[in-house]
Amino acid sequence: FRREVVRPFALAARVIRVIRAIAKGDLAVEIPS
């Protein structure tokens, strides 16, 4: 459950933060995969 559910949601939260950073113009932010 931790590997298949919790970690994907954590990665999704990181992606949202990255999207917000890119929206603010921070193009050097690392994009998780």
PDB file of all heavy atoms in Angstrom:
ATOM      1  N   PHE A   1       0.829  -1.197   0.000  1.00  0.00           N
ATOM      2  CA  PHE A   1       0.000   0.000   0.000  1.00  0.00           C
ATOM      3  C   PHE A   1       0.868   1.253   0.000  1.00  0.00           C
ATOM      4  O   PHE A   1       0.597   2.232  -0.708  1.00  0.00           O
ATOM      5  CB  PHE A   1      -0.917  -0.017   1.220  1.00  0.00           C
ATOM      6  CG  PHE A   1      -1.845   1.155   1.307  1.00  0.00           C
ATOM      7  CD1 PHE A   1      -3.030   1.177   0.593  1.00  0.00           C
ATOM      8  CD2 PHE A   1      -1.531   2.259   2.107  1.00  0.00           C
ATOM      9  CE1 PHE A   1      -3.882   2.259   0.655  1.00  0.00           C
ATOM     10  CE2 PHE A   1      -2.375   3.335   2.169  1.00  0.00           C
ATOM     11  CZ  PHE A   1      -3.561   3.347   1.450  1.00  0.00           C
ATOM     12  N   ARG A   2       1.941   1.205   0.793  1.00  0.00           N
ATOM     13  CA  ARG A   2       2.839   2.367   0.850  1.00  0.00           C
ATOM     14  C   ARG A   2       3.529   2.593  -0.502  1.00  0.00           C
ATOM     15  O   ARG A   2       3.653   3.732  -0.971  1.00  0.00           O
ATOM     16  CB  ARG A   2       3.886   2.156   1.939  1.00  0.00           C
ATOM     17  CG  ARG A   2       4.885   3.283   2.063  1.00  0.00           C
ATOM     18  CD  ARG A   2       5.889   2.991   3.177  1.00  0.00           C
ATOM     19  NE  ARG A   2       6.874   4.043   3.247  1.00  0.00           N
ATOM     20  CZ  ARG A   2       6.725   5.193   3.912  1.00  0.00           C
ATOM     21  NH1 ARG A   2       5.598   5.425   4.545  1.00  0.00           N
ATOM     22  NH2 ARG A   2       7.672   6.101   3.926  1.00  0.00           N
ATOM     23  N   ARG A   3       3.931   1.479  -1.142  1.00  0.00           N
ATOM     24  CA  ARG A   3       4.671   1.614  -2.398  1.00  0.00           C
ATOM     25  C   ARG A   3       3.767   1.963  -3.574  1.00  0.00           C
ATOM     26  O   ARG A   3       4.136   2.779  -4.434  1.00  0.00           O
ATOM     27  CB  ARG A   3       5.419   0.315  -2.690  1.00  0.00           C
ATOM     28  CG  ARG A   3       6.356   0.405  -3.891  1.00  0.00           C
ATOM     29  CD  ARG A   3       7.061  -0.909  -4.124  1.00  0.00           C
ATOM     30  NE  ARG A   3       6.124  -1.954  -4.546  1.00  0.00           N
ATOM     31  CZ  ARG A   3       6.493  -3.209  -4.802  1.00  0.00           C
ATOM     32  NH1 ARG A   3       7.756  -3.577  -4.643  1.00  0.00           N
ATOM     33  NH2 ARG A   3       5.596  -4.098  -5.172  1.00  0.00           N
ATOM     34  N   GLU A   4       2.579   1.341  -3.597  1.00  0.00           N
ATOM     35  CA  GLU A   4       1.726   1.489  -4.766  1.00  0.00           C
ATOM     36  C   GLU A   4       0.723   2.636  -4.669  1.00  0.00           C
ATOM     37  O   GLU A   4       0.186   3.059  -5.692  1.00  0.00           O
ATOM     38  CB  GLU A   4       0.960   0.184  -5.022  1.00  0.00           C
ATOM     39  CG  GLU A   4       1.842  -1.037  -5.246  1.00  0.00           C
ATOM     40  CD  GLU A   4       2.684  -0.916  -6.504  1.00  0.00           C
ATOM     41  OE1 GLU A   4       2.255  -0.202  -7.443  1.00  0.00           O
ATOM     42  OE2 GLU A   4       3.749  -1.533  -6.563  1.00  0.00           O
ATOM     43  N   VAL A   5       0.422   3.103  -3.446  1.00  0.00           N
ATOM     44  CA  VAL A   5      -0.596   4.160  -3.288  1.00  0.00           C
ATOM     45  C   VAL A   5       0.009   5.439  -2.722  1.00  0.00           C
ATOM     46  O   VAL A   5      -0.132   6.527  -3.299  1.00  0.00           O
ATOM     47  CB  VAL A   5      -1.755   3.661  -2.397  1.00  0.00           C
ATOM     48  CG1 VAL A   5      -2.784   4.757  -2.180  1.00  0.00           C
ATOM     49  CG2 VAL A   5      -2.416   2.434  -3.015  1.00  0.00           C
ATOM     50  N   VAL A   6       0.682   5.326  -1.572  1.00  0.00           N
ATOM     51  CA  VAL A   6       1.175   6.533  -0.905  1.00  0.00           C
ATOM     52  C   VAL A   6       2.254   7.216  -1.750  1.00  0.00           C
ATOM     53  O   VAL A   6       2.216   8.442  -1.952  1.00  0.00           O
ATOM     54  CB  VAL A   6       1.709   6.182   0.502  1.00  0.00           C
ATOM     55  CG1 VAL A   6       2.303   7.425   1.171  1.00  0.00           C
ATOM     56  CG2 VAL A   6       0.581   5.596   1.364  1.00  0.00           C
ATOM     57  N   ARG A   7       3.209   6.437  -2.248  1.00  0.00           N
ATOM     58  CA  ARG A   7       4.291   7.050  -3.030  1.00  0.00           C
ATOM     59  C   ARG A   7       3.803   7.702  -4.323  1.00  0.00           C
ATOM     60  O   ARG A   7       4.230   8.816  -4.653  1.00  0.00           O
ATOM     61  CB  ARG A   7       5.373   6.007  -3.335  1.00  0.00           C
ATOM     62  CG  ARG A   7       6.181   5.596  -2.109  1.00  0.00           C
ATOM     63  CD  ARG A   7       7.276   4.622  -2.467  1.00  0.00           C
ATOM     64  NE  ARG A   7       8.207   5.196  -3.418  1.00  0.00           N
ATOM     65  CZ  ARG A   7       9.168   4.510  -4.031  1.00  0.00           C
ATOM     66  NH1 ARG A   7       9.306   3.221  -3.779  1.00  0.00           N
ATOM     67  NH2 ARG A   7       9.979   5.103  -4.879  1.00  0.00           N
ATOM     68  N   PRO A   8       2.864   7.079  -5.088  1.00  0.00           N
ATOM     69  CA  PRO A   8       2.359   7.791  -6.272  1.00  0.00           C
ATOM     70  C   PRO A   8       1.682   9.102  -5.933  1.00  0.00           C
ATOM     71  O   PRO A   8       1.841  10.097  -6.663  1.00  0.00           O
ATOM     72  CB  PRO A   8       1.375   6.784  -6.876  1.00  0.00           C
ATOM     73  CG  PRO A   8       1.900   5.454  -6.465  1.00  0.00           C
ATOM     74  CD  PRO A   8       2.442   5.664  -5.096  1.00  0.00           C
ATOM     75  N   PHE A   9       0.887   9.150  -4.824  1.00  0.00           N
ATOM     76  CA  PHE A   9       0.270  10.416  -4.446  1.00  0.00           C
ATOM     77  C   PHE A   9       1.325  11.443  -4.031  1.00  0.00           C
ATOM     78  O   PHE A   9       1.172  12.646  -4.304  1.00  0.00           O
ATOM     79  CB  PHE A   9      -0.727  10.191  -3.305  1.00  0.00           C
ATOM     80  CG  PHE A   9      -2.094   9.798  -3.788  1.00  0.00           C
ATOM     81  CD1 PHE A   9      -2.523   8.490  -3.716  1.00  0.00           C
ATOM     82  CD2 PHE A   9      -2.950  10.749  -4.329  1.00  0.00           C
ATOM     83  CE1 PHE A   9      -3.777   8.123  -4.161  1.00  0.00           C
ATOM     84  CE2 PHE A   9      -4.204  10.386  -4.778  1.00  0.00           C
ATOM     85  CZ  PHE A   9      -4.627   9.065  -4.707  1.00  0.00           C
ATOM     86  N   ALA A  10       2.404  10.997  -3.383  1.00  0.00           N
ATOM     87  CA  ALA A  10       3.476  11.926  -3.016  1.00  0.00           C
ATOM     88  C   ALA A  10       4.157  12.489  -4.267  1.00  0.00           C
ATOM     89  O   ALA A  10       4.463  13.699  -4.346  1.00  0.00           O
ATOM     90  CB  ALA A  10       4.486  11.212  -2.120  1.00  0.00           C
ATOM     91  N   LEU A  11       4.372  11.614  -5.250  1.00  0.00           N
ATOM     92  CA  LEU A  11       4.956  12.102  -6.502  1.00  0.00           C
ATOM     93  C   LEU A  11       4.014  13.079  -7.212  1.00  0.00           C
ATOM     94  O   LEU A  11       4.448  14.081  -7.800  1.00  0.00           O
ATOM     95  CB  LEU A  11       5.268  10.917  -7.424  1.00  0.00           C
ATOM     96  CG  LEU A  11       6.444  10.025  -6.998  1.00  0.00           C
ATOM     97  CD1 LEU A  11       6.549   8.823  -7.910  1.00  0.00           C
ATOM     98  CD2 LEU A  11       7.747  10.826  -7.004  1.00  0.00           C
ATOM     99  N   ALA A  12       2.694  12.767  -7.135  1.00  0.00           N
ATOM    100  CA  ALA A  12       1.727  13.677  -7.751  1.00  0.00           C
ATOM    101  C   ALA A  12       1.775  15.047  -7.087  1.00  0.00           C
ATOM    102  O   ALA A  12       1.682  16.096  -7.747  1.00  0.00           O
ATOM    103  CB  ALA A  12       0.322  13.087  -7.667  1.00  0.00           C
ATOM    104  N   ALA A  13       1.916  15.062  -5.751  1.00  0.00           N
ATOM    105  CA  ALA A  13       2.022  16.349  -5.048  1.00  0.00           C
ATOM    106  C   ALA A  13       3.273  17.109  -5.487  1.00  0.00           C
ATOM    107  O   ALA A  13       3.257  18.342  -5.655  1.00  0.00           O
ATOM    108  CB  ALA A  13       2.030  16.106  -3.542  1.00  0.00           C
ATOM    109  N   ARG A  14       4.365  16.381  -5.694  1.00  0.00           N
ATOM    110  CA  ARG A  14       5.592  17.034  -6.158  1.00  0.00           C
ATOM    111  C   ARG A  14       5.386  17.604  -7.567  1.00  0.00           C
ATOM    112  O   ARG A  14       5.867  18.702  -7.894  1.00  0.00           O
ATOM    113  CB  ARG A  14       6.748  16.049  -6.164  1.00  0.00           C
ATOM    114  CG  ARG A  14       7.239  15.672  -4.772  1.00  0.00           C
ATOM    115  CD  ARG A  14       8.413  14.719  -4.846  1.00  0.00           C
ATOM    116  NE  ARG A  14       9.511  15.311  -5.594  1.00  0.00           N
ATOM    117  CZ  ARG A  14      10.619  14.642  -5.950  1.00  0.00           C
ATOM    118  NH1 ARG A  14      10.719  13.346  -5.632  1.00  0.00           N
ATOM    119  NH2 ARG A  14      11.577  15.239  -6.611  1.00  0.00           N
ATOM    120  N   VAL A  15       4.650  16.853  -8.410  1.00  0.00           N
ATOM    121  CA  VAL A  15       4.392  17.344  -9.767  1.00  0.00           C
ATOM    122  C   VAL A  15       3.585  18.634  -9.711  1.00  0.00           C
ATOM    123  O   VAL A  15       3.825  19.587 -10.481  1.00  0.00           O
ATOM    124  CB  VAL A  15       3.673  16.277 -10.599  1.00  0.00           C
ATOM    125  CG1 VAL A  15       3.181  16.844 -11.924  1.00  0.00           C
ATOM    126  CG2 VAL A  15       4.604  15.088 -10.848  1.00  0.00           C
ATOM    127  N   ILE A  16       2.591  18.693  -8.792  1.00  0.00           N
ATOM    128  CA  ILE A  16       1.787  19.914  -8.658  1.00  0.00           C
ATOM    129  C   ILE A  16       2.673  21.087  -8.259  1.00  0.00           C
ATOM    130  O   ILE A  16       2.538  22.216  -8.776  1.00  0.00           O
ATOM    131  CB  ILE A  16       0.650  19.687  -7.643  1.00  0.00           C
ATOM    132  CG1 ILE A  16      -0.368  18.677  -8.202  1.00  0.00           C
ATOM    133  CG2 ILE A  16      -0.053  21.001  -7.312  1.00  0.00           C
ATOM    134  CD1 ILE A  16      -1.434  18.282  -7.216  1.00  0.00           C
ATOM    135  N   ARG A  17       3.587  20.823  -7.321  1.00  0.00           N
ATOM    136  CA  ARG A  17       4.496  21.911  -6.911  1.00  0.00           C
ATOM    137  C   ARG A  17       5.382  22.354  -8.080  1.00  0.00           C
ATOM    138  O   ARG A  17       5.669  23.539  -8.251  1.00  0.00           O
ATOM    139  CB  ARG A  17       5.347  21.453  -5.720  1.00  0.00           C
ATOM    140  CG  ARG A  17       4.560  21.307  -4.424  1.00  0.00           C
ATOM    141  CD  ARG A  17       5.507  21.234  -3.233  1.00  0.00           C
ATOM    142  NE  ARG A  17       6.356  20.030  -3.299  1.00  0.00           N
ATOM    143  CZ  ARG A  17       6.035  18.859  -2.752  1.00  0.00           C
ATOM    144  NH1 ARG A  17       4.847  18.721  -2.118  1.00  0.00           N
ATOM    145  NH2 ARG A  17       6.850  17.842  -2.831  1.00  0.00           N
ATOM    146  N   VAL A  18       5.788  21.361  -8.865  1.00  0.00           N
ATOM    147  CA  VAL A  18       6.613  21.716 -10.021  1.00  0.00           C
ATOM    148  C   VAL A  18       5.811  22.562 -11.009  1.00  0.00           C
ATOM    149  O   VAL A  18       6.311  23.550 -11.560  1.00  0.00           O
ATOM    150  CB  VAL A  18       7.158  20.441 -10.703  1.00  0.00           C
ATOM    151  CG1 VAL A  18       7.786  20.767 -12.049  1.00  0.00           C
ATOM    152  CG2 VAL A  18       8.182  19.759  -9.809  1.00  0.00           C
ATOM    153  N   ILE A  19       4.541  22.177 -11.230  1.00  0.00           N
ATOM    154  CA  ILE A  19       3.694  22.935 -12.149  1.00  0.00           C
ATOM    155  C   ILE A  19       3.528  24.364 -11.654  1.00  0.00           C
ATOM    156  O   ILE A  19       3.604  25.335 -12.441  1.00  0.00           O
ATOM    157  CB  ILE A  19       2.338  22.242 -12.323  1.00  0.00           C
ATOM    158  CG1 ILE A  19       2.537  20.902 -13.063  1.00  0.00           C
ATOM    159  CG2 ILE A  19       1.362  23.125 -13.087  1.00  0.00           C
ATOM    160  CD1 ILE A  19       1.275  20.073 -13.148  1.00  0.00           C
ATOM    161  N   ARG A  20       3.310  24.495 -10.337  1.00  0.00           N
ATOM    162  CA  ARG A  20       3.176  25.838  -9.778  1.00  0.00           C
ATOM    163  C   ARG A  20       4.479  26.627  -9.953  1.00  0.00           C
ATOM    164  O   ARG A  20       4.462  27.837 -10.242  1.00  0.00           O
ATOM    165  CB  ARG A  20       2.793  25.747  -8.303  1.00  0.00           C
ATOM    166  CG  ARG A  20       1.358  25.276  -8.054  1.00  0.00           C
ATOM    167  CD  ARG A  20       1.080  25.163  -6.564  1.00  0.00           C
ATOM    168  NE  ARG A  20      -0.314  24.769  -6.314  1.00  0.00           N
ATOM    169  CZ  ARG A  20      -0.793  24.515  -5.118  1.00  0.00           C
ATOM    170  NH1 ARG A  20       0.019  24.619  -4.058  1.00  0.00           N
ATOM    171  NH2 ARG A  20      -2.047  24.175  -4.992  1.00  0.00           N
ATOM    172  N   ALA A  21       5.616  25.946  -9.747  1.00  0.00           N
ATOM    173  CA  ALA A  21       6.920  26.638  -9.901  1.00  0.00           C
ATOM    174  C   ALA A  21       7.126  27.096 -11.348  1.00  0.00           C
ATOM    175  O   ALA A  21       7.593  28.208 -11.612  1.00  0.00           O
ATOM    176  CB  ALA A  21       8.052  25.724  -9.469  1.00  0.00           C
ATOM    177  N   ILE A  22       6.766  26.199 -12.312  1.00  0.00           N
ATOM    178  CA  ILE A  22       6.910  26.569 -13.716  1.00  0.00           C
ATOM    179  C   ILE A  22       5.979  27.731 -14.057  1.00  0.00           C
ATOM    180  O   ILE A  22       6.331  28.653 -14.820  1.00  0.00           O
ATOM    181  CB  ILE A  22       6.627  25.365 -14.614  1.00  0.00           C
ATOM    182  CG1 ILE A  22       7.727  24.293 -14.410  1.00  0.00           C
ATOM    183  CG2 ILE A  22       6.546  25.755 -16.079  1.00  0.00           C
ATOM    184  CD1 ILE A  22       7.477  23.013 -15.160  1.00  0.00           C
ATOM    185  N   ALA A  23       4.772  27.717 -13.477  1.00  0.00           N
ATOM    186  CA  ALA A  23       3.819  28.796 -13.728  1.00  0.00           C
ATOM    187  C   ALA A  23       4.360  30.133 -13.229  1.00  0.00           C
ATOM    188  O   ALA A  23       4.021  31.187 -13.766  1.00  0.00           O
ATOM    189  CB  ALA A  23       2.469  28.484 -13.064  1.00  0.00           C
ATOM    190  N   LYS A  24       5.182  30.082 -12.200  1.00  0.00           N
ATOM    191  CA  LYS A  24       5.779  31.310 -11.672  1.00  0.00           C
ATOM    192  C   LYS A  24       7.061  31.685 -12.426  1.00  0.00           C
ATOM    193  O   LYS A  24       7.709  32.672 -12.060  1.00  0.00           O
ATOM    194  CB  LYS A  24       6.080  31.146 -10.193  1.00  0.00           C
ATOM    195  CG  LYS A  24       4.811  31.026  -9.338  1.00  0.00           C
ATOM    196  CD  LYS A  24       5.175  30.841  -7.870  1.00  0.00           C
ATOM    197  CE  LYS A  24       3.917  30.718  -6.989  1.00  0.00           C
ATOM    198  NZ  LYS A  24       4.235  30.534  -5.554  1.00  0.00           N
ATOM    199  N   GLY A  25       7.471  30.804 -13.398  1.00  0.00           N
ATOM    200  CA  GLY A  25       8.638  31.153 -14.205  1.00  0.00           C
ATOM    201  C   GLY A  25       9.905  30.473 -13.782  1.00  0.00           C
ATOM    202  O   GLY A  25      10.978  30.758 -14.319  1.00  0.00           O
ATOM    203  N   ASP A  26       9.883  29.568 -12.823  1.00  0.00           N
ATOM    204  CA  ASP A  26      11.079  28.846 -12.390  1.00  0.00           C
ATOM    205  C   ASP A  26      11.289  27.665 -13.321  1.00  0.00           C
ATOM    206  O   ASP A  26      10.811  26.556 -13.074  1.00  0.00           O
ATOM    207  CB  ASP A  26      10.907  28.373 -10.949  1.00  0.00           C
ATOM    208  CG  ASP A  26      12.189  27.758 -10.381  1.00  0.00           C
ATOM    209  OD1 ASP A  26      13.218  27.790 -11.072  1.00  0.00           O
ATOM    210  OD2 ASP A  26      12.127  27.220  -9.250  1.00  0.00           O
ATOM    211  N   LEU A  27      12.006  27.852 -14.405  1.00  0.00           N
ATOM    212  CA  LEU A  27      12.204  26.788 -15.377  1.00  0.00           C
ATOM    213  C   LEU A  27      13.313  25.824 -15.003  1.00  0.00           C
ATOM    214  O   LEU A  27      13.474  24.770 -15.633  1.00  0.00           O
ATOM    215  CB  LEU A  27      12.520  27.422 -16.744  1.00  0.00           C
ATOM    216  CG  LEU A  27      11.413  28.347 -17.287  1.00  0.00           C
ATOM    217  CD1 LEU A  27      11.857  28.910 -18.627  1.00  0.00           C
ATOM    218  CD2 LEU A  27      10.099  27.603 -17.398  1.00  0.00           C
ATOM    219  N   ALA A  28      14.108  26.156 -13.963  1.00  0.00           N
ATOM    220  CA  ALA A  28      15.208  25.270 -13.562  1.00  0.00           C
ATOM    221  C   ALA A  28      14.756  24.196 -12.579  1.00  0.00           C
ATOM    222  O   ALA A  28      15.557  23.364 -12.153  1.00  0.00           O
ATOM    223  CB  ALA A  28      16.316  26.115 -12.944  1.00  0.00           C
ATOM    224  N   VAL A  29      13.505  24.205 -12.211  1.00  0.00           N
ATOM    225  CA  VAL A  29      13.027  23.224 -11.231  1.00  0.00           C
ATOM    226  C   VAL A  29      13.095  21.816 -11.813  1.00  0.00           C
ATOM    227  O   VAL A  29      12.883  21.600 -13.008  1.00  0.00           O
ATOM    228  CB  VAL A  29      11.570  23.554 -10.820  1.00  0.00           C
ATOM    229  CG1 VAL A  29      10.613  23.422 -11.984  1.00  0.00           C
ATOM    230  CG2 VAL A  29      11.139  22.668  -9.668  1.00  0.00           C
ATOM    231  N   GLU A  30      13.476  20.876 -10.981  1.00  0.00           N
ATOM    232  CA  GLU A  30      13.593  19.472 -11.416  1.00  0.00           C
ATOM    233  C   GLU A  30      12.207  18.852 -11.557  1.00  0.00           C
ATOM    234  O   GLU A  30      11.352  18.973 -10.688  1.00  0.00           O
ATOM    235  CB  GLU A  30      14.411  18.690 -10.390  1.00  0.00           C
ATOM    236  CG  GLU A  30      14.620  17.240 -10.783  1.00  0.00           C
ATOM    237  CD  GLU A  30      15.412  16.470  -9.732  1.00  0.00           C
ATOM    238  OE1 GLU A  30      15.832  17.084  -8.737  1.00  0.00           O
ATOM    239  OE2 GLU A  30      15.583  15.248  -9.894  1.00  0.00           O
ATOM    240  N   ILE A  31      11.978  18.153 -12.657  1.00  0.00           N
ATOM    241  CA  ILE A  31      10.689  17.507 -12.913  1.00  0.00           C
ATOM    242  C   ILE A  31      10.810  16.019 -12.563  1.00  0.00           C
ATOM    243  O   ILE A  31      11.593  15.305 -13.195  1.00  0.00           O
ATOM    244  CB  ILE A  31      10.271  17.676 -14.380  1.00  0.00           C
ATOM    245  CG1 ILE A  31      10.173  19.164 -14.733  1.00  0.00           C
ATOM    246  CG2 ILE A  31       8.956  16.951 -14.652  1.00  0.00           C
ATOM    247  CD1 ILE A  31       9.874  19.404 -16.185  1.00  0.00           C
ATOM    248  N   PRO A  32      10.064  15.552 -11.544  1.00  0.00           N
ATOM    249  CA  PRO A  32      10.155  14.122 -11.183  1.00  0.00           C
ATOM    250  C   PRO A  32       9.482  13.272 -12.233  1.00  0.00           C
ATOM    251  O   PRO A  32       8.599  13.718 -12.966  1.00  0.00           O
ATOM    252  CB  PRO A  32       9.422  14.048  -9.844  1.00  0.00           C
ATOM    253  CG  PRO A  32       8.445  15.174  -9.892  1.00  0.00           C
ATOM    254  CD  PRO A  32       9.109  16.268 -10.696  1.00  0.00           C
ATOM    255  N   SER A  33       9.905  12.013 -12.307  1.00  0.00           N
ATOM    256  CA  SER A  33       9.311  11.073 -13.256  1.00  0.00           C
ATOM    257  C   SER A  33       8.889   9.814 -12.498  1.00  0.00           C
ATOM    258  O   SER A  33       9.516   9.417 -11.525  1.00  0.00           O
ATOM    259  CB  SER A  33      10.311  10.730 -14.358  1.00  0.00           C
ATOM    260  OG  SER A  33      11.478  10.124 -13.804  1.00  0.00           O
TER     261      SER A  33
END
